[in-house]
Amino acid sequence: MPVSFEPLSCQKAAVLTVIVTLPTGDDEFSPPDQCGIAMGSALVTLGLLFIFCYVIALFCVCTRWPRK
């Protein structure tokens, strides 16, 4: 799930921050003493493919697709 998207002044790159749910295997919840999520940031280029993927990711998050 995207948390933050901060374009740089040149508008050719941005810092993207996301939260990711870690896999739990066959268990319903994460193991004891682990939160089950990770957060990370990356410097990304703002090409056409990136913008397309970002829009698709937002669609999946907003519609909760795919449904289980």
C-alpha atoms as a PDB file:
ATOM      1  CA  MET A   1       0.000   0.000   0.000  1.00  0.00           C
ATOM      2  CA  PRO A   2       1.532   3.334  -1.013  1.00  0.00           C
ATOM      3  CA  VAL A   3       1.993   5.646   1.957  1.00  0.00           C
ATOM      4  CA  SER A   4       3.833   8.572   0.443  1.00  0.00           C
ATOM      5  CA  PHE A   5       4.796   9.730  -3.031  1.00  0.00           C
ATOM      6  CA  GLU A   6       7.050  12.795  -3.104  1.00  0.00           C
ATOM      7  CA  PRO A   7       8.211  14.016  -6.544  1.00  0.00           C
ATOM      8  CA  LEU A   8      11.585  15.757  -6.635  1.00  0.00           C
ATOM      9  CA  SER A   9      11.927  19.281  -8.019  1.00  0.00           C
ATOM     10  CA  CYS A  10      13.097  18.025 -11.438  1.00  0.00           C
ATOM     11  CA  GLN A  11       9.847  15.986 -11.835  1.00  0.00           C
ATOM     12  CA  LYS A  12      11.863  13.059 -13.259  1.00  0.00           C
ATOM     13  CA  ALA A  13      12.222  11.103 -10.015  1.00  0.00           C
ATOM     14  CA  ALA A  14      10.392  10.655  -6.728  1.00  0.00           C
ATOM     15  CA  VAL A  15      10.662   9.049  -3.332  1.00  0.00           C
ATOM     16  CA  LEU A  16       8.033   6.328  -2.933  1.00  0.00           C
ATOM     17  CA  THR A  17       7.234   4.897   0.511  1.00  0.00           C
ATOM     18  CA  VAL A  18       5.149   1.743   0.880  1.00  0.00           C
ATOM     19  CA  ILE A  19       3.861  -0.558   3.618  1.00  0.00           C
ATOM     20  CA  VAL A  20       3.938  -4.271   2.832  1.00  0.00           C
ATOM     21  CA  THR A  21       2.179  -7.081   4.689  1.00  0.00           C
ATOM     22  CA  LEU A  22       4.652  -9.887   5.293  1.00  0.00           C
ATOM     23  CA  PRO A  23       3.631 -13.468   4.467  1.00  0.00           C
ATOM     24  CA  THR A  24       2.421 -15.569   7.403  1.00  0.00           C
ATOM     25  CA  GLY A  25       2.528 -18.978   5.752  1.00  0.00           C
ATOM     26  CA  ASP A  26      -0.382 -21.169   6.803  1.00  0.00           C
ATOM     27  CA  ASP A  27      -1.068 -19.107   9.936  1.00  0.00           C
ATOM     28  CA  GLU A  28      -3.778 -16.455  10.080  1.00  0.00           C
ATOM     29  CA  PHE A  29      -1.610 -14.036  12.088  1.00  0.00           C
ATOM     30  CA  SER A  30       2.088 -13.185  12.245  1.00  0.00           C
ATOM     31  CA  PRO A  31       4.276 -15.034  14.787  1.00  0.00           C
ATOM     32  CA  PRO A  32       4.520 -13.692  18.358  1.00  0.00           C
ATOM     33  CA  ASP A  33       6.812 -10.668  18.813  1.00  0.00           C
ATOM     34  CA  GLN A  34       6.545  -9.758  15.102  1.00  0.00           C
ATOM     35  CA  CYS A  35       4.294  -7.042  13.720  1.00  0.00           C
ATOM     36  CA  GLY A  36       3.768  -8.645  10.297  1.00  0.00           C
ATOM     37  CA  ILE A  37       4.379  -5.480   8.272  1.00  0.00           C
ATOM     38  CA  ALA A  38       7.398  -3.774   6.735  1.00  0.00           C
ATOM     39  CA  MET A  39       7.868  -0.216   5.510  1.00  0.00           C
ATOM     40  CA  GLY A  40      10.374   0.900   2.913  1.00  0.00           C
ATOM     41  CA  SER A  41      11.277   3.802   0.661  1.00  0.00           C
ATOM     42  CA  ALA A  42      12.915   3.930  -2.738  1.00  0.00           C
ATOM     43  CA  LEU A  43      14.058   6.530  -5.240  1.00  0.00           C
ATOM     44  CA  VAL A  44      12.129   5.831  -8.451  1.00  0.00           C
ATOM     45  CA  THR A  45      12.095   7.310 -11.942  1.00  0.00           C
ATOM     46  CA  LEU A  46       8.861   8.788 -13.253  1.00  0.00           C
ATOM     47  CA  GLY A  47       8.567   7.096 -16.618  1.00  0.00           C
ATOM     48  CA  LEU A  48       5.301   6.174 -18.323  1.00  0.00           C
ATOM     49  CA  LEU A  49       5.534   2.535 -17.157  1.00  0.00           C
ATOM     50  CA  PHE A  50       5.949   3.632 -13.523  1.00  0.00           C
ATOM     51  CA  ILE A  51       2.888   5.882 -13.663  1.00  0.00           C
ATOM     52  CA  PHE A  52       0.820   3.067 -15.208  1.00  0.00           C
ATOM     53  CA  CYS A  53       1.921   0.618 -12.479  1.00  0.00           C
ATOM     54  CA  TYR A  54       1.208   3.184  -9.744  1.00  0.00           C
ATOM     55  CA  VAL A  55      -2.351   3.728 -11.034  1.00  0.00           C
ATOM     56  CA  ILE A  56      -2.947  -0.044 -11.174  1.00  0.00           C
ATOM     57  CA  ALA A  57      -1.612  -0.430  -7.608  1.00  0.00           C
ATOM     58  CA  LEU A  58      -3.934   2.319  -6.351  1.00  0.00           C
ATOM     59  CA  PHE A  59      -6.873   0.634  -8.097  1.00  0.00           C
ATOM     60  CA  CYS A  60      -6.064  -2.684  -6.398  1.00  0.00           C
ATOM     61  CA  VAL A  61      -5.766  -1.030  -2.984  1.00  0.00           C
ATOM     62  CA  CYS A  62      -8.922   1.069  -3.341  1.00  0.00           C
ATOM     63  CA  THR A  63     -11.072  -1.803  -4.621  1.00  0.00           C
ATOM     64  CA  ARG A  64      -9.378  -4.442  -2.436  1.00  0.00           C
ATOM     65  CA  TRP A  65      -8.743  -6.512  -5.565  1.00  0.00           C
ATOM     66  CA  PRO A  66      -8.208  -9.456  -5.854  1.00  0.00           C
ATOM     67  CA  ARG A  67     -10.811 -10.620  -3.391  1.00  0.00           C
ATOM     68  CA  LYS A  68     -10.310 -13.880  -1.529  1.00  0.00           C
END
